Amino acid sequence: MQKTKDERVQKFLEEIGMFDEEKLNILLKLREIVFEEFPDVQEKMMYGGIMFSIDADFGGIFVSKKHISFEFSKGYRFSDPEELLEGTGKFRRHLKIRSLSDVEAKNVIFFVKQAGII
């Protein structure tokens, strides 16, 4: 498991791993994508999930009973030609990730790249 600088994030990941290995693997893959795209990104626990920020918070990952949600703070501005993003709020959009294969199927990398520039 990739160590984090934030002790609360590390504890959160360890606790998820004790109860649901598949969700842990999804979380680790999502974090890997974010850190590969933005090596200087900061992560912290907020709102019960892991928030990512560069100059400001741009998104976060949150564990639910049946899925992991990758929330994008300004997702309403994203290009989404396949209409994969969900949500009808004023700004935020999200992807529901139910399996490790969803990470690729829902093109998470495409949206993470946009999150850092919008």
N, C-alpha and C. Protein backbone atom coordinates (compact mmCIF):
# COMPACT_ATOMS: atom_id res chain seq x y z
N MET A 1 0.84 -1.18 0.00
CA MET A 1 0.00 0.00 0.00
C MET A 1 0.88 1.24 0.00
N GLN A 2 0.58 2.15 -0.92
CA GLN A 2 1.32 3.41 -0.99
C GLN A 2 1.04 4.21 0.28
N LYS A 3 2.09 4.56 0.98
CA LYS A 3 1.95 5.35 2.21
C LYS A 3 1.57 6.78 1.86
N THR A 4 0.83 7.39 2.74
CA THR A 4 0.44 8.77 2.59
C THR A 4 1.10 9.60 3.68
N LYS A 5 1.24 10.88 3.43
CA LYS A 5 1.80 11.77 4.44
C LYS A 5 0.78 12.10 5.53
N ASP A 6 -0.48 11.92 5.22
CA ASP A 6 -1.56 12.24 6.14
C ASP A 6 -1.93 11.01 6.97
N GLU A 7 -1.72 11.08 8.27
CA GLU A 7 -1.99 9.93 9.15
C GLU A 7 -3.46 9.53 9.12
N ARG A 8 -4.35 10.49 9.01
CA ARG A 8 -5.78 10.17 8.99
C ARG A 8 -6.16 9.42 7.71
N VAL A 9 -5.55 9.79 6.60
CA VAL A 9 -5.80 9.07 5.35
C VAL A 9 -5.27 7.65 5.47
N GLN A 10 -4.07 7.50 6.02
CA GLN A 10 -3.49 6.17 6.19
C GLN A 10 -4.37 5.28 7.05
N LYS A 11 -4.86 5.82 8.15
CA LYS A 11 -5.73 5.06 9.04
C LYS A 11 -7.02 4.66 8.32
N PHE A 12 -7.59 5.58 7.56
CA PHE A 12 -8.81 5.32 6.79
C PHE A 12 -8.59 4.16 5.82
N LEU A 13 -7.48 4.19 5.08
CA LEU A 13 -7.17 3.13 4.12
C LEU A 13 -7.00 1.78 4.82
N GLU A 14 -6.30 1.79 5.94
CA GLU A 14 -6.09 0.54 6.69
C GLU A 14 -7.41 -0.02 7.20
N GLU A 15 -8.30 0.85 7.67
CA GLU A 15 -9.60 0.40 8.18
C GLU A 15 -10.46 -0.18 7.06
N ILE A 16 -10.47 0.47 5.90
CA ILE A 16 -11.23 -0.07 4.76
C ILE A 16 -10.67 -1.44 4.39
N GLY A 17 -9.35 -1.58 4.39
CA GLY A 17 -8.71 -2.84 4.04
C GLY A 17 -9.07 -3.98 4.96
N MET A 18 -9.36 -3.67 6.21
CA MET A 18 -9.74 -4.73 7.16
C MET A 18 -11.11 -5.31 6.84
N PHE A 19 -11.98 -4.53 6.21
CA PHE A 19 -13.36 -4.95 5.99
C PHE A 19 -13.71 -5.25 4.55
N ASP A 20 -13.00 -4.64 3.60
CA ASP A 20 -13.38 -4.79 2.20
C ASP A 20 -12.16 -4.62 1.30
N GLU A 21 -11.53 -5.72 0.97
CA GLU A 21 -10.30 -5.67 0.18
C GLU A 21 -10.53 -5.10 -1.22
N GLU A 22 -11.68 -5.40 -1.81
CA GLU A 22 -11.96 -4.87 -3.16
C GLU A 22 -12.06 -3.34 -3.13
N LYS A 23 -12.74 -2.80 -2.14
CA LYS A 23 -12.85 -1.34 -2.05
C LYS A 23 -11.48 -0.72 -1.79
N LEU A 24 -10.67 -1.36 -0.97
CA LEU A 24 -9.31 -0.86 -0.75
C LEU A 24 -8.54 -0.82 -2.06
N ASN A 25 -8.62 -1.87 -2.85
CA ASN A 25 -7.90 -1.91 -4.13
C ASN A 25 -8.38 -0.82 -5.07
N ILE A 26 -9.68 -0.54 -5.07
CA ILE A 26 -10.21 0.55 -5.89
C ILE A 26 -9.68 1.89 -5.40
N LEU A 27 -9.72 2.11 -4.08
CA LEU A 27 -9.19 3.36 -3.52
C LEU A 27 -7.73 3.55 -3.88
N LEU A 28 -6.94 2.50 -3.75
CA LEU A 28 -5.51 2.60 -4.05
C LEU A 28 -5.29 2.92 -5.53
N LYS A 29 -6.08 2.31 -6.40
CA LYS A 29 -5.94 2.58 -7.84
C LYS A 29 -6.32 4.03 -8.15
N LEU A 30 -7.40 4.52 -7.55
CA LEU A 30 -7.81 5.91 -7.79
C LEU A 30 -6.75 6.88 -7.29
N ARG A 31 -6.20 6.63 -6.11
CA ARG A 31 -5.13 7.48 -5.58
C ARG A 31 -3.91 7.44 -6.49
N GLU A 32 -3.58 6.26 -6.99
CA GLU A 32 -2.43 6.11 -7.89
C GLU A 32 -2.61 6.97 -9.14
N ILE A 33 -3.80 6.97 -9.70
CA ILE A 33 -4.09 7.78 -10.89
C ILE A 33 -3.88 9.26 -10.57
N VAL A 34 -4.43 9.71 -9.44
CA VAL A 34 -4.31 11.12 -9.06
C VAL A 34 -2.85 11.50 -8.87
N PHE A 35 -2.08 10.68 -8.15
CA PHE A 35 -0.68 11.00 -7.88
C PHE A 35 0.20 10.89 -9.12
N GLU A 36 -0.14 10.01 -10.05
CA GLU A 36 0.62 9.94 -11.30
C GLU A 36 0.39 11.20 -12.13
N GLU A 37 -0.83 11.68 -12.14
CA GLU A 37 -1.16 12.87 -12.93
C GLU A 37 -0.66 14.15 -12.26
N PHE A 38 -0.74 14.19 -10.93
CA PHE A 38 -0.38 15.39 -10.16
C PHE A 38 0.50 15.00 -8.97
N PRO A 39 1.80 14.82 -9.19
CA PRO A 39 2.70 14.36 -8.13
C PRO A 39 2.70 15.24 -6.87
N ASP A 40 2.38 16.51 -7.01
CA ASP A 40 2.41 17.42 -5.86
C ASP A 40 1.05 17.57 -5.19
N VAL A 41 0.09 16.76 -5.57
CA VAL A 41 -1.24 16.86 -4.98
C VAL A 41 -1.19 16.60 -3.47
N GLN A 42 -2.05 17.29 -2.75
CA GLN A 42 -2.20 17.08 -1.31
C GLN A 42 -3.49 16.29 -1.09
N GLU A 43 -3.47 15.41 -0.11
CA GLU A 43 -4.68 14.68 0.23
C GLU A 43 -4.95 14.83 1.72
N LYS A 44 -6.23 14.83 2.06
CA LYS A 44 -6.62 14.96 3.46
C LYS A 44 -8.00 14.34 3.64
N MET A 45 -8.29 13.96 4.85
CA MET A 45 -9.62 13.45 5.17
C MET A 45 -10.56 14.64 5.35
N MET A 46 -11.70 14.57 4.66
CA MET A 46 -12.70 15.62 4.79
C MET A 46 -14.04 15.04 4.33
N TYR A 47 -15.09 15.37 5.02
CA TYR A 47 -16.44 14.91 4.68
C TYR A 47 -16.53 13.38 4.64
N GLY A 48 -15.69 12.70 5.40
CA GLY A 48 -15.74 11.25 5.46
C GLY A 48 -15.02 10.55 4.33
N GLY A 49 -14.27 11.29 3.52
CA GLY A 49 -13.54 10.70 2.40
C GLY A 49 -12.20 11.36 2.23
N ILE A 50 -11.52 11.02 1.16
CA ILE A 50 -10.20 11.57 0.87
C ILE A 50 -10.35 12.69 -0.15
N MET A 51 -10.00 13.90 0.25
CA MET A 51 -10.07 15.06 -0.64
C MET A 51 -8.69 15.32 -1.24
N PHE A 52 -8.67 15.73 -2.49
CA PHE A 52 -7.44 16.06 -3.19
C PHE A 52 -7.42 17.55 -3.52
N SER A 53 -6.24 18.16 -3.38
CA SER A 53 -6.13 19.57 -3.73
C SER A 53 -4.75 19.86 -4.31
N ILE A 54 -4.73 20.84 -5.19
CA ILE A 54 -3.48 21.38 -5.72
C ILE A 54 -3.40 22.79 -5.18
N ASP A 55 -4.08 23.72 -5.79
CA ASP A 55 -4.21 25.07 -5.22
C ASP A 55 -5.50 25.17 -4.41
N ALA A 56 -6.47 24.37 -4.80
CA ALA A 56 -7.76 24.29 -4.10
C ALA A 56 -8.25 22.85 -4.23
N ASP A 57 -9.24 22.49 -3.43
CA ASP A 57 -9.81 21.15 -3.54
C ASP A 57 -10.41 20.98 -4.93
N PHE A 58 -10.07 19.86 -5.58
CA PHE A 58 -10.65 19.61 -6.90
C PHE A 58 -11.49 18.36 -6.96
N GLY A 59 -11.43 17.55 -5.92
CA GLY A 59 -12.23 16.34 -5.93
C GLY A 59 -11.88 15.44 -4.77
N GLY A 60 -12.63 14.35 -4.67
CA GLY A 60 -12.39 13.42 -3.59
C GLY A 60 -13.03 12.08 -3.85
N ILE A 61 -12.59 11.09 -3.07
CA ILE A 61 -13.15 9.75 -3.18
C ILE A 61 -13.82 9.37 -1.86
N PHE A 62 -15.02 8.82 -1.99
CA PHE A 62 -15.86 8.52 -0.85
C PHE A 62 -16.41 7.11 -0.96
N VAL A 63 -16.35 6.38 0.14
CA VAL A 63 -16.80 4.99 0.16
C VAL A 63 -18.26 4.93 0.60
N SER A 64 -19.06 4.25 -0.19
CA SER A 64 -20.45 3.96 0.15
C SER A 64 -20.61 2.45 0.26
N LYS A 65 -21.76 2.03 0.67
CA LYS A 65 -22.00 0.61 0.86
C LYS A 65 -21.78 -0.21 -0.42
N LYS A 66 -22.28 0.31 -1.56
CA LYS A 66 -22.23 -0.47 -2.80
C LYS A 66 -21.25 0.05 -3.84
N HIS A 67 -20.59 1.17 -3.56
CA HIS A 67 -19.67 1.73 -4.55
C HIS A 67 -18.72 2.73 -3.91
N ILE A 68 -17.79 3.20 -4.71
CA ILE A 68 -16.93 4.32 -4.33
C ILE A 68 -17.26 5.45 -5.29
N SER A 69 -17.45 6.61 -4.75
CA SER A 69 -17.79 7.77 -5.56
C SER A 69 -16.56 8.66 -5.71
N PHE A 70 -16.21 8.98 -6.94
CA PHE A 70 -15.15 9.96 -7.19
C PHE A 70 -15.86 11.25 -7.54
N GLU A 71 -15.82 12.20 -6.62
CA GLU A 71 -16.52 13.48 -6.77
C GLU A 71 -15.57 14.52 -7.36
N PHE A 72 -16.08 15.30 -8.29
CA PHE A 72 -15.29 16.37 -8.90
C PHE A 72 -15.96 17.70 -8.61
N SER A 73 -15.25 18.57 -7.92
CA SER A 73 -15.81 19.83 -7.44
C SER A 73 -16.38 20.70 -8.55
N LYS A 74 -15.73 20.73 -9.70
CA LYS A 74 -16.20 21.54 -10.83
C LYS A 74 -16.54 20.66 -12.03
N GLY A 75 -17.10 19.50 -11.73
CA GLY A 75 -17.42 18.54 -12.77
C GLY A 75 -18.39 19.03 -13.82
N TYR A 76 -19.18 20.03 -13.47
CA TYR A 76 -20.14 20.57 -14.44
C TYR A 76 -19.43 21.19 -15.64
N ARG A 77 -18.15 21.53 -15.50
CA ARG A 77 -17.39 22.15 -16.59
C ARG A 77 -16.63 21.13 -17.44
N PHE A 78 -16.67 19.86 -17.06
CA PHE A 78 -15.89 18.83 -17.75
C PHE A 78 -16.49 18.46 -19.10
N SER A 79 -15.60 18.10 -20.01
CA SER A 79 -16.03 17.43 -21.23
C SER A 79 -16.43 16.01 -20.83
N ASP A 80 -17.59 15.56 -21.28
CA ASP A 80 -18.09 14.23 -20.93
C ASP A 80 -18.85 13.64 -22.11
N PRO A 81 -18.13 13.36 -23.21
CA PRO A 81 -18.80 12.92 -24.43
C PRO A 81 -19.58 11.62 -24.29
N GLU A 82 -19.17 10.75 -23.35
CA GLU A 82 -19.88 9.48 -23.17
C GLU A 82 -20.93 9.55 -22.07
N GLU A 83 -21.11 10.74 -21.49
CA GLU A 83 -22.09 10.97 -20.42
C GLU A 83 -21.93 9.97 -19.28
N LEU A 84 -20.71 9.87 -18.79
CA LEU A 84 -20.40 8.96 -17.68
C LEU A 84 -20.59 9.62 -16.32
N LEU A 85 -20.46 10.93 -16.27
CA LEU A 85 -20.60 11.64 -15.00
C LEU A 85 -22.06 11.66 -14.56
N GLU A 86 -22.25 11.54 -13.25
CA GLU A 86 -23.59 11.59 -12.68
C GLU A 86 -23.70 12.83 -11.81
N GLY A 87 -24.94 13.22 -11.55
CA GLY A 87 -25.20 14.36 -10.68
C GLY A 87 -25.85 15.50 -11.42
N THR A 88 -26.71 16.21 -10.72
CA THR A 88 -27.44 17.31 -11.33
C THR A 88 -27.30 18.60 -10.52
N GLY A 89 -26.38 18.60 -9.56
CA GLY A 89 -26.19 19.79 -8.75
C GLY A 89 -25.59 20.92 -9.56
N LYS A 90 -25.45 22.06 -8.91
CA LYS A 90 -24.96 23.25 -9.59
C LYS A 90 -23.53 23.09 -10.11
N PHE A 91 -22.64 22.45 -9.34
CA PHE A 91 -21.23 22.34 -9.72
C PHE A 91 -20.70 20.91 -9.77
N ARG A 92 -20.94 20.16 -8.75
CA ARG A 92 -20.30 18.86 -8.55
C ARG A 92 -20.89 17.78 -9.45
N ARG A 93 -20.01 16.90 -9.93
CA ARG A 93 -20.39 15.70 -10.67
C ARG A 93 -19.56 14.54 -10.11
N HIS A 94 -20.02 13.31 -10.34
CA HIS A 94 -19.30 12.17 -9.78
C HIS A 94 -19.39 10.94 -10.69
N LEU A 95 -18.45 10.05 -10.43
CA LEU A 95 -18.44 8.72 -11.05
C LEU A 95 -18.67 7.70 -9.95
N LYS A 96 -19.54 6.75 -10.18
CA LYS A 96 -19.73 5.65 -9.23
C LYS A 96 -18.88 4.48 -9.71
N ILE A 97 -17.94 4.09 -8.87
CA ILE A 97 -17.03 3.00 -9.19
C ILE A 97 -17.43 1.79 -8.34
N ARG A 98 -17.91 0.74 -9.00
CA ARG A 98 -18.39 -0.45 -8.28
C ARG A 98 -17.41 -1.62 -8.32
N SER A 99 -16.42 -1.53 -9.21
CA SER A 99 -15.42 -2.60 -9.32
C SER A 99 -14.13 -2.00 -9.86
N LEU A 100 -13.06 -2.74 -9.75
CA LEU A 100 -11.78 -2.27 -10.26
C LEU A 100 -11.85 -2.04 -11.78
N SER A 101 -12.62 -2.87 -12.48
CA SER A 101 -12.75 -2.70 -13.94
C SER A 101 -13.48 -1.41 -14.30
N ASP A 102 -14.31 -0.88 -13.39
CA ASP A 102 -14.99 0.39 -13.64
C ASP A 102 -14.01 1.56 -13.75
N VAL A 103 -12.85 1.44 -13.12
CA VAL A 103 -11.87 2.53 -13.15
C VAL A 103 -11.50 2.84 -14.60
N GLU A 104 -11.29 1.80 -15.38
CA GLU A 104 -10.98 1.98 -16.80
C GLU A 104 -12.24 2.23 -17.61
N ALA A 105 -13.28 1.47 -17.34
CA ALA A 105 -14.52 1.57 -18.12
C ALA A 105 -15.14 2.96 -18.02
N LYS A 106 -14.98 3.60 -16.87
CA LYS A 106 -15.56 4.94 -16.68
C LYS A 106 -14.54 6.04 -16.93
N ASN A 107 -13.39 5.64 -17.49
CA ASN A 107 -12.39 6.60 -17.97
C ASN A 107 -11.96 7.60 -16.89
N VAL A 108 -11.67 7.09 -15.71
CA VAL A 108 -11.31 7.95 -14.58
C VAL A 108 -10.14 8.87 -14.92
N ILE A 109 -9.15 8.36 -15.62
CA ILE A 109 -7.98 9.18 -15.96
C ILE A 109 -8.39 10.44 -16.75
N PHE A 110 -9.28 10.29 -17.69
CA PHE A 110 -9.78 11.39 -18.50
C PHE A 110 -10.35 12.51 -17.62
N PHE A 111 -11.11 12.14 -16.61
CA PHE A 111 -11.72 13.14 -15.73
C PHE A 111 -10.74 13.72 -14.72
N VAL A 112 -9.83 12.89 -14.22
CA VAL A 112 -8.82 13.40 -13.28
C VAL A 112 -7.96 14.45 -13.97
N LYS A 113 -7.57 14.19 -15.21
CA LYS A 113 -6.77 15.18 -15.95
C LYS A 113 -7.50 16.51 -16.06
N GLN A 114 -8.79 16.47 -16.30
CA GLN A 114 -9.56 17.70 -16.40
C GLN A 114 -9.68 18.41 -15.05
N ALA A 115 -9.75 17.64 -13.99
CA ALA A 115 -9.92 18.22 -12.65
C ALA A 115 -8.78 19.14 -12.28
N GLY A 116 -7.59 18.82 -12.73
CA GLY A 116 -6.43 19.62 -12.38
C GLY A 116 -6.24 20.88 -13.20
N ILE A 117 -6.99 21.00 -14.29
CA ILE A 117 -6.80 22.18 -15.15
C ILE A 117 -8.01 23.10 -15.17
N ILE A 118 -9.10 22.65 -14.60
CA ILE A 118 -10.34 23.47 -14.61
C ILE A 118 -10.52 24.13 -13.26
